[in-house]
Amino acid sequence: KQKVIDFFTKHNPDKLNSVGSILSAYIGREAELIKTLHERYNVPYTEEGAAESEENPYRQKVVDFYREHAPDKVGNVDTIMQSYKGREEELLKNLHARYNVPSQPQESVQHAGEPSPPSSPASPDYKQKVVDFFAKHNPDKMNSVDSILAAYKGREAELIKTLHERYNVPYTEGGAAESEEENPYKQKVVDFYKEHNPEKVGDVDTILKSYQGREEELLKNLHARYNVPYQPGGAQKVDSEAEVSSAAPSSTPDYKQKVI
């Protein structure tokens, strides 16, 4: 079972949930299954069940690329690598152009036996900014932060700017996402979409802009659109009202003293 799991993890992660049923169909013929998988995915096979001989150092890069941009192609990696044998840099360049992903011409591949160059991870400041940005505008992308930063290595400031443009969020050269004074309704709309339609979180600023000055109407429309009970004004009080309410003097102590 572990061999099948390891195989699919490497060549077709979408099949991991089917391992149990696949093994059930091959009960008593597990060795045949292993051999069939290697033939299906064009992976060199030995009788002992070893999957690959020494691997092309570019292979993992191609696998990672397809996992992020075209998961259905992961199973074809070995066939594609075979057709680009000796021209792997060209393959990577073509993939980035085909999927409109910025490439990194200076990126080098470490071959077996070579000393590892000192790593220079993305600045923690930039990583946190990207994490915070996606947490607010598109939580589904949180798991992709490291791969996105890797694609923009050395160009993190450009990434921050690109994200703001992509999600139509005001940007300053310092990287600040939004202006200091945010629409007090924004968080309510963000929270609403997070619960009822997460795909719309990235569009909140655009939607609020079209409802500028009519935010109560927007909230009412959202509740009607998603069939969610709505309480006009119930949850829309701004903090200042609460502060005024708590600061107002109470006459209760005077009456209490009279009764005593």
Protein backbone atom coordinates (compact mmCIF):
# COMPACT_ATOMS: atom_id res chain seq x y z
CA LYS A 1 0.00 0.00 0.00
CA GLN A 2 2.79 2.45 0.89
CA LYS A 3 4.43 1.90 -2.49
CA VAL A 4 1.18 2.82 -4.26
CA ILE A 5 0.72 5.89 -2.04
CA ASP A 6 4.31 7.01 -2.70
CA PHE A 7 3.84 6.44 -6.42
CA PHE A 8 0.66 8.51 -6.68
CA THR A 9 2.08 11.23 -4.41
CA LYS A 10 4.84 11.68 -6.95
CA HIS A 11 3.03 11.09 -10.26
CA ASN A 12 -0.67 11.83 -9.76
CA PRO A 13 -1.72 13.21 -6.34
CA ASP A 14 -5.37 13.33 -7.47
CA LYS A 15 -5.46 9.54 -7.20
CA LEU A 16 -4.44 9.35 -3.52
CA ASN A 17 -8.06 9.14 -2.39
CA SER A 18 -8.57 6.10 -4.65
CA VAL A 19 -5.68 3.98 -3.29
CA GLY A 20 -7.95 1.77 -1.17
CA SER A 21 -10.35 0.93 -3.99
CA ILE A 22 -7.48 0.37 -6.46
CA LEU A 23 -5.78 -2.06 -4.08
CA SER A 24 -9.09 -3.86 -3.56
CA ALA A 25 -9.33 -4.46 -7.30
CA TYR A 26 -5.81 -5.92 -7.31
CA ILE A 27 -6.00 -8.13 -4.19
CA GLY A 28 -3.42 -10.88 -4.58
CA ARG A 29 -1.99 -9.11 -7.66
CA GLU A 30 -0.26 -6.17 -5.99
CA ALA A 31 3.01 -6.75 -7.87
CA GLU A 32 1.07 -6.62 -11.13
CA LEU A 33 -0.50 -3.33 -10.00
CA ILE A 34 2.91 -1.78 -9.34
CA LYS A 35 4.14 -2.84 -12.76
CA THR A 36 0.95 -1.57 -14.44
CA LEU A 37 1.28 1.81 -12.76
CA HIS A 38 4.86 2.21 -13.99
CA GLU A 39 3.81 1.34 -17.53
CA ARG A 40 0.78 3.65 -17.39
CA TYR A 41 2.87 6.63 -16.29
CA ASN A 42 5.91 5.67 -18.37
CA VAL A 43 8.16 5.31 -15.31
CA PRO A 44 11.16 2.90 -15.45
CA TYR A 45 10.44 -0.28 -13.46
CA THR A 46 12.58 -3.02 -11.89
CA GLU A 47 11.35 -6.38 -10.65
CA GLU A 48 12.15 -5.35 -7.08
CA GLY A 49 9.62 -2.55 -7.46
CA ALA A 50 12.04 0.36 -7.43
CA ALA A 51 10.32 3.15 -9.26
CA GLU A 52 13.05 5.16 -10.87
CA SER A 53 16.74 5.10 -11.57
CA GLU A 54 18.69 8.26 -10.79
CA GLU A 55 16.31 11.06 -11.62
CA ASN A 56 16.67 14.03 -13.91
CA PRO A 57 17.33 16.96 -11.51
CA TYR A 58 14.80 19.07 -13.44
CA ARG A 59 11.98 16.60 -12.94
CA GLN A 60 10.81 17.87 -9.55
CA LYS A 61 10.64 21.41 -10.92
CA VAL A 62 8.35 20.29 -13.73
CA VAL A 63 6.22 18.24 -11.30
CA ASP A 64 5.89 21.23 -8.94
CA PHE A 65 5.02 23.51 -11.83
CA TYR A 66 2.23 21.25 -13.08
CA ARG A 67 0.91 20.68 -9.56
CA GLU A 68 0.31 24.40 -9.25
CA HIS A 69 -0.75 25.32 -12.78
CA ALA A 70 -2.12 22.13 -14.43
CA PRO A 71 -2.53 19.21 -11.97
CA ASP A 72 -4.00 16.95 -14.66
CA LYS A 73 -0.62 16.98 -16.43
CA VAL A 74 1.42 15.59 -13.51
CA GLY A 75 1.00 12.03 -14.79
CA ASN A 76 2.61 13.00 -18.11
CA VAL A 77 5.80 14.50 -16.66
CA ASP A 78 8.11 11.60 -17.53
CA THR A 79 6.87 11.46 -21.13
CA ILE A 80 7.33 15.23 -21.49
CA MET A 81 10.80 15.08 -19.91
CA GLN A 82 11.76 12.32 -22.34
CA SER A 83 10.86 14.49 -25.33
CA TYR A 84 12.90 17.39 -23.89
CA LYS A 85 15.90 15.31 -22.82
CA GLY A 86 18.94 17.57 -22.77
CA ARG A 87 16.74 20.63 -23.30
CA GLU A 88 15.17 20.90 -19.85
CA GLU A 89 15.83 24.64 -19.53
CA GLU A 90 13.93 25.13 -22.78
CA LEU A 91 11.06 23.06 -21.37
CA LEU A 92 10.84 25.19 -18.25
CA LYS A 93 10.93 28.35 -20.32
CA ASN A 94 8.15 27.04 -22.59
CA LEU A 95 5.99 26.07 -19.61
CA HIS A 96 6.27 29.53 -18.05
CA ALA A 97 5.39 31.12 -21.39
CA ARG A 98 2.50 28.69 -22.02
CA TYR A 99 0.89 29.36 -18.63
CA ASN A 100 1.87 33.04 -18.49
CA VAL A 101 4.01 32.59 -15.37
CA PRO A 102 7.09 34.81 -14.82
CA SER A 103 10.24 32.74 -15.38
CA GLN A 104 13.59 32.92 -13.61
CA PRO A 105 16.38 32.72 -16.20
CA GLN A 106 19.14 32.70 -13.61
CA GLU A 107 17.70 29.76 -11.70
CA SER A 108 20.13 26.86 -11.64
CA VAL A 109 19.55 23.20 -10.86
CA GLN A 110 21.71 21.45 -8.30
CA HIS A 111 23.09 18.16 -9.56
CA ALA A 112 23.89 15.16 -7.40
CA GLY A 113 27.17 15.52 -5.53
CA GLU A 114 27.33 19.29 -5.87
CA PRO A 115 27.58 21.33 -2.66
CA SER A 116 24.39 23.18 -1.81
CA PRO A 117 24.60 26.94 -2.33
CA PRO A 118 23.66 29.10 0.63
CA SER A 119 19.90 29.54 0.63
CA SER A 120 18.33 32.96 0.67
CA PRO A 121 14.68 32.55 1.65
CA ALA A 122 12.16 35.26 0.98
CA SER A 123 12.27 38.09 3.44
CA PRO A 124 10.02 37.24 6.41
CA ASP A 125 8.52 40.71 6.01
CA TYR A 126 7.42 40.00 2.44
CA LYS A 127 6.13 36.54 3.31
CA GLN A 128 4.01 37.91 6.14
CA LYS A 129 2.66 40.61 3.85
CA VAL A 130 1.59 38.02 1.28
CA VAL A 131 0.09 35.80 3.99
CA ASP A 132 -1.84 38.75 5.46
CA PHE A 133 -2.99 39.82 2.01
CA PHE A 134 -4.41 36.43 1.05
CA ALA A 135 -5.93 35.95 4.51
CA LYS A 136 -7.95 39.07 3.84
CA HIS A 137 -8.66 38.88 0.10
CA ASN A 138 -8.45 35.22 -0.96
CA PRO A 139 -7.99 32.64 1.85
CA ASP A 140 -7.99 29.78 -0.69
CA LYS A 141 -4.50 30.89 -1.78
CA MET A 142 -2.92 30.59 1.68
CA ASN A 143 -1.43 27.17 0.88
CA SER A 144 0.26 28.53 -2.25
CA VAL A 145 2.20 31.36 -0.57
CA ASP A 146 5.60 29.61 -0.64
CA SER A 147 5.36 28.56 -4.29
CA ILE A 148 4.21 32.05 -5.31
CA LEU A 149 7.11 33.64 -3.42
CA ALA A 150 9.49 31.17 -5.07
CA ALA A 151 8.26 32.28 -8.51
CA TYR A 152 8.90 35.92 -7.55
CA LYS A 153 12.22 35.35 -5.79
CA GLY A 154 14.16 38.61 -5.80
CA ARG A 155 11.06 40.45 -7.09
CA GLU A 156 8.90 40.39 -3.96
CA ALA A 157 8.04 44.09 -4.17
CA GLU A 158 6.73 43.48 -7.70
CA LEU A 159 4.62 40.60 -6.35
CA ILE A 160 3.05 42.81 -3.68
CA LYS A 161 2.18 45.43 -6.29
CA THR A 162 0.80 42.79 -8.69
CA LEU A 163 -1.45 41.36 -5.97
CA HIS A 164 -2.91 44.76 -5.20
CA GLU A 165 -3.62 45.37 -8.88
CA ARG A 166 -5.10 41.89 -9.35
CA TYR A 167 -7.52 42.32 -6.44
CA ASN A 168 -8.13 46.01 -7.06
CA VAL A 169 -6.77 47.04 -3.66
CA PRO A 170 -5.21 50.53 -3.21
CA TYR A 171 -1.42 50.32 -3.04
CA THR A 172 1.37 52.56 -1.78
CA GLU A 173 5.07 52.16 -2.56
CA GLY A 174 5.65 51.11 1.04
CA GLY A 175 3.48 48.10 0.41
CA ALA A 176 0.58 49.15 2.58
CA ALA A 177 -2.52 47.43 1.32
CA GLU A 178 -5.28 49.83 2.23
CA SER A 179 -5.64 53.40 3.30
CA GLU A 180 -5.61 54.00 7.02
CA GLU A 181 -9.31 54.82 7.27
CA GLU A 182 -11.18 51.84 5.91
CA ASN A 183 -14.86 51.71 5.15
CA PRO A 184 -16.37 50.47 8.46
CA TYR A 185 -18.66 48.16 6.48
CA LYS A 186 -15.82 46.40 4.69
CA GLN A 187 -15.14 43.81 7.40
CA LYS A 188 -18.85 42.99 7.56
CA VAL A 189 -18.94 42.31 3.82
CA VAL A 190 -15.69 40.31 3.97
CA ASP A 191 -17.03 38.19 6.85
CA PHE A 192 -20.31 37.65 4.99
CA TYR A 193 -18.58 36.39 1.85
CA LYS A 194 -16.14 34.23 3.84
CA GLU A 195 -19.13 32.39 5.25
CA HIS A 196 -21.46 32.32 2.25
CA ASN A 197 -19.28 32.67 -0.88
CA PRO A 198 -15.49 32.69 -0.26
CA GLU A 199 -14.74 33.12 -3.98
CA LYS A 200 -16.09 36.67 -3.77
CA VAL A 201 -13.75 37.85 -1.00
CA GLY A 202 -11.26 39.18 -3.55
CA ASP A 203 -14.00 41.36 -5.10
CA VAL A 204 -15.08 43.13 -1.89
CA ASP A 205 -13.33 46.44 -2.61
CA THR A 206 -14.84 46.64 -6.10
CA ILE A 207 -18.31 45.83 -4.78
CA LEU A 208 -18.05 48.38 -1.97
CA LYS A 209 -16.93 51.01 -4.47
CA SER A 210 -20.08 50.47 -6.53
CA TYR A 211 -22.19 50.79 -3.37
CA GLN A 212 -20.35 53.78 -1.90
CA GLY A 213 -22.74 55.62 0.39
CA ARG A 214 -25.28 52.79 0.08
CA GLU A 215 -23.58 50.15 2.22
CA GLU A 216 -26.76 49.32 4.16
CA GLU A 217 -28.46 48.59 0.86
CA LEU A 218 -25.55 46.31 -0.11
CA LEU A 219 -25.86 44.35 3.13
CA LYS A 220 -29.61 44.03 2.65
CA ASN A 221 -29.13 42.82 -0.94
CA LEU A 222 -26.51 40.27 0.12
CA HIS A 223 -28.76 38.81 2.80
CA ALA A 224 -31.65 38.60 0.33
CA ARG A 225 -29.43 37.09 -2.40
CA TYR A 226 -28.11 34.34 -0.12
CA ASN A 227 -31.40 33.92 1.78
CA VAL A 228 -29.85 34.94 5.12
CA PRO A 229 -32.03 36.66 7.78
CA TYR A 230 -31.21 40.36 7.98
CA GLN A 231 -31.55 42.80 10.87
CA PRO A 232 -31.50 46.39 9.59
CA GLY A 233 -29.06 48.41 11.70
CA GLY A 234 -28.81 45.58 14.18
CA ALA A 235 -25.14 44.85 13.69
CA GLN A 236 -24.14 48.01 11.89
CA LYS A 237 -23.33 50.29 14.81
CA VAL A 238 -19.89 51.74 14.59
CA ASP A 239 -17.53 51.68 17.55
CA SER A 240 -18.03 55.36 18.30
CA GLU A 241 -21.68 54.75 19.23
CA ALA A 242 -20.68 52.12 21.74
CA GLU A 243 -18.10 54.48 23.20
CA VAL A 244 -20.65 57.29 23.61
CA SER A 245 -23.09 54.89 25.18
CA SER A 246 -20.57 53.60 27.71
CA ALA A 247 -19.35 57.09 28.52
CA ALA A 248 -22.82 58.52 29.23
CA PRO A 249 -23.45 59.06 32.95
CA SER A 250 -26.15 56.96 34.53
CA SER A 251 -28.75 58.30 36.94
CA THR A 252 -29.34 54.87 38.47
CA PRO A 253 -27.01 55.40 41.51
CA ASP A 254 -29.13 58.40 42.65
CA TYR A 255 -32.35 56.41 42.65
CA LYS A 256 -30.59 53.49 44.29
CA GLN A 257 -29.42 55.72 47.12
CA LYS A 258 -32.96 57.06 47.69
CA VAL A 259 -34.37 53.56 48.00
CA ILE A 260 -31.65 52.60 50.47
